Amino acid sequence: MQRERKKHEHGVPEGYIGIAELRGILHKSRTTIWKMIYDGRLPRPLRDGKRKILDRKDMIRWIHHAKFTR
């Protein structure tokens, strides 16, 4: 039997962020975020049911190293 993960306020599992939260952090549109993912400027998201999520630690590393800018 699977153990349910804790979820934070947006319903995303603890330790992950959703696309909407990432948009707020980067101040980019949804379309721009997806272009950045397809271009390899952001890591590929994981699936949590229908939702796409990203590992919070990976995103902090990417932002810190400014890999998302061009």
PDB file of N, CA and C in Angstrom:
ATOM      1  N   MET A   1       0.838  -1.184   0.000  1.00  0.00           N
ATOM      2  CA  MET A   1       0.000   0.000   0.000  1.00  0.00           C
ATOM      3  C   MET A   1       0.884   1.249   0.000  1.00  0.00           C
ATOM      4  N   GLN A   2       0.542   2.208  -0.847  1.00  0.00           N
ATOM      5  CA  GLN A   2       1.336   3.434  -0.932  1.00  0.00           C
ATOM      6  C   GLN A   2       0.980   4.385   0.191  1.00  0.00           C
ATOM      7  N   ARG A   3       2.008   5.054   0.688  1.00  0.00           N
ATOM      8  CA  ARG A   3       1.817   6.061   1.713  1.00  0.00           C
ATOM      9  C   ARG A   3       1.572   7.396   1.024  1.00  0.00           C
ATOM     10  N   GLU A   4       0.568   8.144   1.455  1.00  0.00           N
ATOM     11  CA  GLU A   4       0.280   9.441   0.841  1.00  0.00           C
ATOM     12  C   GLU A   4       1.294  10.472   1.314  1.00  0.00           C
ATOM     13  N   ARG A   5       1.812  11.249   0.348  1.00  0.00           N
ATOM     14  CA  ARG A   5       2.778  12.298   0.668  1.00  0.00           C
ATOM     15  C   ARG A   5       2.053  13.507   1.224  1.00  0.00           C
ATOM     16  N   LYS A   6       2.758  14.235   2.096  1.00  0.00           N
ATOM     17  CA  LYS A   6       2.208  15.487   2.595  1.00  0.00           C
ATOM     18  C   LYS A   6       2.109  16.457   1.438  1.00  0.00           C
ATOM     19  N   LYS A   7       1.072  17.270   1.444  1.00  0.00           N
ATOM     20  CA  LYS A   7       0.898  18.258   0.388  1.00  0.00           C
ATOM     21  C   LYS A   7       0.857  19.634   1.017  1.00  0.00           C
ATOM     22  N   HIS A   8       1.445  20.621   0.320  1.00  0.00           N
ATOM     23  CA  HIS A   8       1.371  21.976   0.853  1.00  0.00           C
ATOM     24  C   HIS A   8       0.171  22.698   0.258  1.00  0.00           C
ATOM     25  N   GLU A   9       0.029  23.961   0.529  1.00  0.00           N
ATOM     26  CA  GLU A   9      -1.185  24.718   0.248  1.00  0.00           C
ATOM     27  C   GLU A   9      -1.753  24.608  -1.163  1.00  0.00           C
ATOM     28  N   HIS A  10      -0.924  24.386  -2.183  1.00  0.00           N
ATOM     29  CA  HIS A  10      -1.428  24.311  -3.556  1.00  0.00           C
ATOM     30  C   HIS A  10      -1.743  22.876  -3.963  1.00  0.00           C
ATOM     31  N   GLY A  11      -1.681  21.933  -3.039  1.00  0.00           N
ATOM     32  CA  GLY A  11      -1.969  20.542  -3.341  1.00  0.00           C
ATOM     33  C   GLY A  11      -0.807  19.807  -3.976  1.00  0.00           C
ATOM     34  N   VAL A  12       0.364  20.437  -4.002  1.00  0.00           N
ATOM     35  CA  VAL A  12       1.566  19.840  -4.584  1.00  0.00           C
ATOM     36  C   VAL A  12       2.305  19.101  -3.472  1.00  0.00           C
ATOM     37  N   PRO A  13       2.843  17.903  -3.743  1.00  0.00           N
ATOM     38  CA  PRO A  13       3.584  17.171  -2.704  1.00  0.00           C
ATOM     39  C   PRO A  13       4.723  18.006  -2.120  1.00  0.00           C
ATOM     40  N   GLU A  14       4.979  17.785  -0.857  1.00  0.00           N
ATOM     41  CA  GLU A  14       6.058  18.492  -0.161  1.00  0.00           C
ATOM     42  C   GLU A  14       7.386  18.237  -0.880  1.00  0.00           C
ATOM     43  N   GLY A  15       8.174  19.291  -1.063  1.00  0.00           N
ATOM     44  CA  GLY A  15       9.458  19.169  -1.736  1.00  0.00           C
ATOM     45  C   GLY A  15       9.378  19.440  -3.235  1.00  0.00           C
ATOM     46  N   TYR A  16       8.199  19.739  -3.723  1.00  0.00           N
ATOM     47  CA  TYR A  16       7.988  20.012  -5.145  1.00  0.00           C
ATOM     48  C   TYR A  16       7.268  21.339  -5.317  1.00  0.00           C
ATOM     49  N   ILE A  17       7.332  21.900  -6.525  1.00  0.00           N
ATOM     50  CA  ILE A  17       6.554  23.085  -6.843  1.00  0.00           C
ATOM     51  C   ILE A  17       5.811  22.844  -8.151  1.00  0.00           C
ATOM     52  N   GLY A  18       4.681  23.499  -8.282  1.00  0.00           N
ATOM     53  CA  GLY A  18       3.887  23.390  -9.494  1.00  0.00           C
ATOM     54  C   GLY A  18       4.286  24.478 -10.486  1.00  0.00           C
ATOM     55  N   ILE A  19       3.787  24.358 -11.685  1.00  0.00           N
ATOM     56  CA  ILE A  19       4.072  25.339 -12.735  1.00  0.00           C
ATOM     57  C   ILE A  19       3.582  26.730 -12.325  1.00  0.00           C
ATOM     58  N   ALA A  20       2.395  26.798 -11.707  1.00  0.00           N
ATOM     59  CA  ALA A  20       1.853  28.102 -11.296  1.00  0.00           C
ATOM     60  C   ALA A  20       2.770  28.793 -10.291  1.00  0.00           C
ATOM     61  N   GLU A  21       3.281  28.047  -9.334  1.00  0.00           N
ATOM     62  CA  GLU A  21       4.197  28.622  -8.342  1.00  0.00           C
ATOM     63  C   GLU A  21       5.506  29.052  -9.010  1.00  0.00           C
ATOM     64  N   LEU A  22       5.994  28.253  -9.941  1.00  0.00           N
ATOM     65  CA  LEU A  22       7.216  28.594 -10.668  1.00  0.00           C
ATOM     66  C   LEU A  22       7.026  29.882 -11.471  1.00  0.00           C
ATOM     67  N   ARG A  23       5.856  30.049 -12.070  1.00  0.00           N
ATOM     68  CA  ARG A  23       5.558  31.284 -12.805  1.00  0.00           C
ATOM     69  C   ARG A  23       5.712  32.487 -11.894  1.00  0.00           C
ATOM     70  N   GLY A  24       5.225  32.385 -10.668  1.00  0.00           N
ATOM     71  CA  GLY A  24       5.331  33.480  -9.717  1.00  0.00           C
ATOM     72  C   GLY A  24       6.762  33.770  -9.319  1.00  0.00           C
ATOM     73  N   ILE A  25       7.563  32.729  -9.177  1.00  0.00           N
ATOM     74  CA  ILE A  25       8.968  32.886  -8.784  1.00  0.00           C
ATOM     75  C   ILE A  25       9.763  33.551  -9.900  1.00  0.00           C
ATOM     76  N   LEU A  26       9.566  33.087 -11.138  1.00  0.00           N
ATOM     77  CA  LEU A  26      10.348  33.591 -12.272  1.00  0.00           C
ATOM     78  C   LEU A  26       9.725  34.803 -12.956  1.00  0.00           C
ATOM     79  N   HIS A  27       8.488  35.106 -12.610  1.00  0.00           N
ATOM     80  CA  HIS A  27       7.760  36.218 -13.246  1.00  0.00           C
ATOM     81  C   HIS A  27       7.693  36.032 -14.763  1.00  0.00           C
ATOM     82  N   LYS A  28       7.327  34.822 -15.162  1.00  0.00           N
ATOM     83  CA  LYS A  28       7.196  34.474 -16.585  1.00  0.00           C
ATOM     84  C   LYS A  28       5.796  33.931 -16.841  1.00  0.00           C
ATOM     85  N   SER A  29       5.337  34.019 -18.081  1.00  0.00           N
ATOM     86  CA  SER A  29       4.024  33.478 -18.439  1.00  0.00           C
ATOM     87  C   SER A  29       4.100  31.948 -18.516  1.00  0.00           C
ATOM     88  N   ARG A  30       2.938  31.333 -18.512  1.00  0.00           N
ATOM     89  CA  ARG A  30       2.852  29.871 -18.627  1.00  0.00           C
ATOM     90  C   ARG A  30       3.501  29.412 -19.932  1.00  0.00           C
ATOM     91  N   THR A  31       3.221  30.118 -21.012  1.00  0.00           N
ATOM     92  CA  THR A  31       3.790  29.777 -22.318  1.00  0.00           C
ATOM     93  C   THR A  31       5.308  29.867 -22.286  1.00  0.00           C
ATOM     94  N   THR A  32       5.843  30.918 -21.690  1.00  0.00           N
ATOM     95  CA  THR A  32       7.300  31.089 -21.606  1.00  0.00           C
ATOM     96  C   THR A  32       7.925  29.968 -20.776  1.00  0.00           C
ATOM     97  N   ILE A  33       7.287  29.606 -19.664  1.00  0.00           N
ATOM     98  CA  ILE A  33       7.798  28.506 -18.829  1.00  0.00           C
ATOM     99  C   ILE A  33       7.888  27.233 -19.662  1.00  0.00           C
ATOM    100  N   TRP A  34       6.833  26.901 -20.417  1.00  0.00           N
ATOM    101  CA  TRP A  34       6.856  25.681 -21.222  1.00  0.00           C
ATOM    102  C   TRP A  34       7.892  25.759 -22.345  1.00  0.00           C
ATOM    103  N   LYS A  35       8.073  26.918 -22.943  1.00  0.00           N
ATOM    104  CA  LYS A  35       9.130  27.069 -23.960  1.00  0.00           C
ATOM    105  C   LYS A  35      10.495  26.819 -23.335  1.00  0.00           C
ATOM    106  N   MET A  36      10.689  27.330 -22.133  1.00  0.00           N
ATOM    107  CA  MET A  36      11.966  27.139 -21.430  1.00  0.00           C
ATOM    108  C   MET A  36      12.202  25.667 -21.108  1.00  0.00           C
ATOM    109  N   ILE A  37      11.138  24.938 -20.783  1.00  0.00           N
ATOM    110  CA  ILE A  37      11.257  23.500 -20.514  1.00  0.00           C
ATOM    111  C   ILE A  37      11.627  22.771 -21.800  1.00  0.00           C
ATOM    112  N   TYR A  38      10.929  23.061 -22.899  1.00  0.00           N
ATOM    113  CA  TYR A  38      11.210  22.397 -24.170  1.00  0.00           C
ATOM    114  C   TYR A  38      12.591  22.751 -24.718  1.00  0.00           C
ATOM    115  N   ASP A  39      13.069  23.975 -24.455  1.00  0.00           N
ATOM    116  CA  ASP A  39      14.397  24.406 -24.897  1.00  0.00           C
ATOM    117  C   ASP A  39      15.521  23.846 -24.029  1.00  0.00           C
ATOM    118  N   GLY A  40      15.177  23.243 -22.894  1.00  0.00           N
ATOM    119  CA  GLY A  40      16.197  22.718 -21.989  1.00  0.00           C
ATOM    120  C   GLY A  40      16.721  23.747 -20.995  1.00  0.00           C
ATOM    121  N   ARG A  41      16.091  24.916 -20.944  1.00  0.00           N
ATOM    122  CA  ARG A  41      16.527  25.935 -19.985  1.00  0.00           C
ATOM    123  C   ARG A  41      15.975  25.669 -18.595  1.00  0.00           C
ATOM    124  N   LEU A  42      14.965  24.829 -18.495  1.00  0.00           N
ATOM    125  CA  LEU A  42      14.411  24.381 -17.221  1.00  0.00           C
ATOM    126  C   LEU A  42      14.326  22.863 -17.267  1.00  0.00           C
ATOM    127  N   PRO A  43      14.418  22.198 -16.107  1.00  0.00           N
ATOM    128  CA  PRO A  43      14.312  20.734 -16.102  1.00  0.00           C
ATOM    129  C   PRO A  43      12.906  20.276 -16.456  1.00  0.00           C
ATOM    130  N   ARG A  44      12.807  19.064 -16.993  1.00  0.00           N
ATOM    131  CA  ARG A  44      11.508  18.488 -17.349  1.00  0.00           C
ATOM    132  C   ARG A  44      10.716  18.223 -16.074  1.00  0.00           C
ATOM    133  N   PRO A  45       9.427  18.544 -16.075  1.00  0.00           N
ATOM    134  CA  PRO A  45       8.603  18.292 -14.890  1.00  0.00           C
ATOM    135  C   PRO A  45       8.234  16.822 -14.757  1.00  0.00           C
ATOM    136  N   LEU A  46       7.853  16.445 -13.561  1.00  0.00           N
ATOM    137  CA  LEU A  46       7.361  15.107 -13.264  1.00  0.00           C
ATOM    138  C   LEU A  46       5.841  15.166 -13.261  1.00  0.00           C
ATOM    139  N   ARG A  47       5.201  14.005 -13.297  1.00  0.00           N
ATOM    140  CA  ARG A  47       3.736  13.956 -13.247  1.00  0.00           C
ATOM    141  C   ARG A  47       3.277  13.571 -11.851  1.00  0.00           C
ATOM    142  N   ASP A  48       2.256  14.256 -11.373  1.00  0.00           N
ATOM    143  CA  ASP A  48       1.570  13.903 -10.133  1.00  0.00           C
ATOM    144  C   ASP A  48       0.088  13.862 -10.497  1.00  0.00           C
ATOM    145  N   GLY A  49      -0.345  12.727 -11.008  1.00  0.00           N
ATOM    146  CA  GLY A  49      -1.687  12.636 -11.561  1.00  0.00           C
ATOM    147  C   GLY A  49      -1.717  13.444 -12.848  1.00  0.00           C
ATOM    148  N   LYS A  50      -2.615  14.412 -12.932  1.00  0.00           N
ATOM    149  CA  LYS A  50      -2.686  15.282 -14.106  1.00  0.00           C
ATOM    150  C   LYS A  50      -1.761  16.477 -13.991  1.00  0.00           C
ATOM    151  N   ARG A  51      -1.303  16.763 -12.786  1.00  0.00           N
ATOM    152  CA  ARG A  51      -0.480  17.934 -12.514  1.00  0.00           C
ATOM    153  C   ARG A  51       0.990  17.690 -12.876  1.00  0.00           C
ATOM    154  N   LYS A  52       1.663  18.735 -13.349  1.00  0.00           N
ATOM    155  CA  LYS A  52       3.101  18.687 -13.618  1.00  0.00           C
ATOM    156  C   LYS A  52       3.803  19.384 -12.466  1.00  0.00           C
ATOM    157  N   ILE A  53       4.804  18.730 -11.893  1.00  0.00           N
ATOM    158  CA  ILE A  53       5.519  19.283 -10.747  1.00  0.00           C
ATOM    159  C   ILE A  53       7.016  19.218 -10.992  1.00  0.00           C
ATOM    160  N   LEU A  54       7.743  20.071 -10.287  1.00  0.00           N
ATOM    161  CA  LEU A  54       9.199  20.120 -10.388  1.00  0.00           C
ATOM    162  C   LEU A  54       9.796  19.986  -8.991  1.00  0.00           C
ATOM    163  N   ASP A  55      10.924  19.321  -8.912  1.00  0.00           N
ATOM    164  CA  ASP A  55      11.616  19.165  -7.643  1.00  0.00           C
ATOM    165  C   ASP A  55      12.114  20.528  -7.166  1.00  0.00           C
ATOM    166  N   ARG A  56      11.734  20.915  -5.962  1.00  0.00           N
ATOM    167  CA  ARG A  56      12.089  22.233  -5.418  1.00  0.00           C
ATOM    168  C   ARG A  56      13.613  22.420  -5.345  1.00  0.00           C
ATOM    169  N   LYS A  57      14.343  21.389  -4.913  1.00  0.00           N
ATOM    170  CA  LYS A  57      15.812  21.502  -4.808  1.00  0.00           C
ATOM    171  C   LYS A  57      16.441  21.723  -6.179  1.00  0.00           C
ATOM    172  N   ASP A  58      15.961  21.002  -7.191  1.00  0.00           N
ATOM    173  CA  ASP A  58      16.481  21.193  -8.553  1.00  0.00           C
ATOM    174  C   ASP A  58      16.237  22.612  -9.032  1.00  0.00           C
ATOM    175  N   MET A  59      15.046  23.134  -8.754  1.00  0.00           N
ATOM    176  CA  MET A  59      14.716  24.484  -9.207  1.00  0.00           C
ATOM    177  C   MET A  59      15.578  25.530  -8.508  1.00  0.00           C
ATOM    178  N   ILE A  60      15.838  25.348  -7.228  1.00  0.00           N
ATOM    179  CA  ILE A  60      16.702  26.285  -6.500  1.00  0.00           C
ATOM    180  C   ILE A  60      18.087  26.279  -7.128  1.00  0.00           C
ATOM    181  N   ARG A  61      18.591  25.084  -7.444  1.00  0.00           N
ATOM    182  CA  ARG A  61      19.909  24.980  -8.103  1.00  0.00           C
ATOM    183  C   ARG A  61      19.904  25.671  -9.456  1.00  0.00           C
ATOM    184  N   TRP A  62      18.883  25.444 -10.260  1.00  0.00           N
ATOM    185  CA  TRP A  62      18.794  26.055 -11.590  1.00  0.00           C
ATOM    186  C   TRP A  62      18.721  27.566 -11.484  1.00  0.00           C
ATOM    187  N   ILE A  63      17.910  28.055 -10.565  1.00  0.00           N
ATOM    188  CA  ILE A  63      17.779  29.500 -10.398  1.00  0.00           C
ATOM    189  C   ILE A  63      19.091  30.094  -9.905  1.00  0.00           C
ATOM    190  N   HIS A  64      19.725  29.429  -8.952  1.00  0.00           N
ATOM    191  CA  HIS A  64      20.993  29.908  -8.408  1.00  0.00           C
ATOM    192  C   HIS A  64      22.068  30.022  -9.489  1.00  0.00           C
ATOM    193  N   HIS A  65      22.091  29.075 -10.395  1.00  0.00           N
ATOM    194  CA  HIS A  65      23.098  29.060 -11.455  1.00  0.00           C
ATOM    195  C   HIS A  65      22.621  29.774 -12.719  1.00  0.00           C
ATOM    196  N   ALA A  66      21.415  30.342 -12.670  1.00  0.00           N
ATOM    197  CA  ALA A  66      20.848  31.134 -13.779  1.00  0.00           C
ATOM    198  C   ALA A  66      20.833  30.367 -15.100  1.00  0.00           C
ATOM    199  N   LYS A  67      20.540  29.077 -15.027  1.00  0.00           N
ATOM    200  CA  LYS A  67      20.473  28.271 -16.246  1.00  0.00           C
ATOM    201  C   LYS A  67      19.217  28.553 -17.049  1.00  0.00           C
ATOM    202  N   PHE A  68      18.265  29.264 -16.475  1.00  0.00           N
ATOM    203  CA  PHE A  68      17.007  29.507 -17.165  1.00  0.00           C
ATOM    204  C   PHE A  68      17.045  30.758 -18.021  1.00  0.00           C
ATOM    205  N   THR A  69      18.101  31.533 -17.970  1.00  0.00           N
ATOM    206  CA  THR A  69      18.157  32.779 -18.748  1.00  0.00           C
ATOM    207  C   THR A  69      18.935  32.570 -20.043  1.00  0.00           C
ATOM    208  N   ARG A  70      18.617  33.417 -21.018  1.00  0.00           N
ATOM    209  CA  ARG A  70      19.344  33.420 -22.294  1.00  0.00           C
ATOM    210  C   ARG A  70      19.425  34.813 -22.795  1.00  0.00           C
TER     211      ARG A  70
END
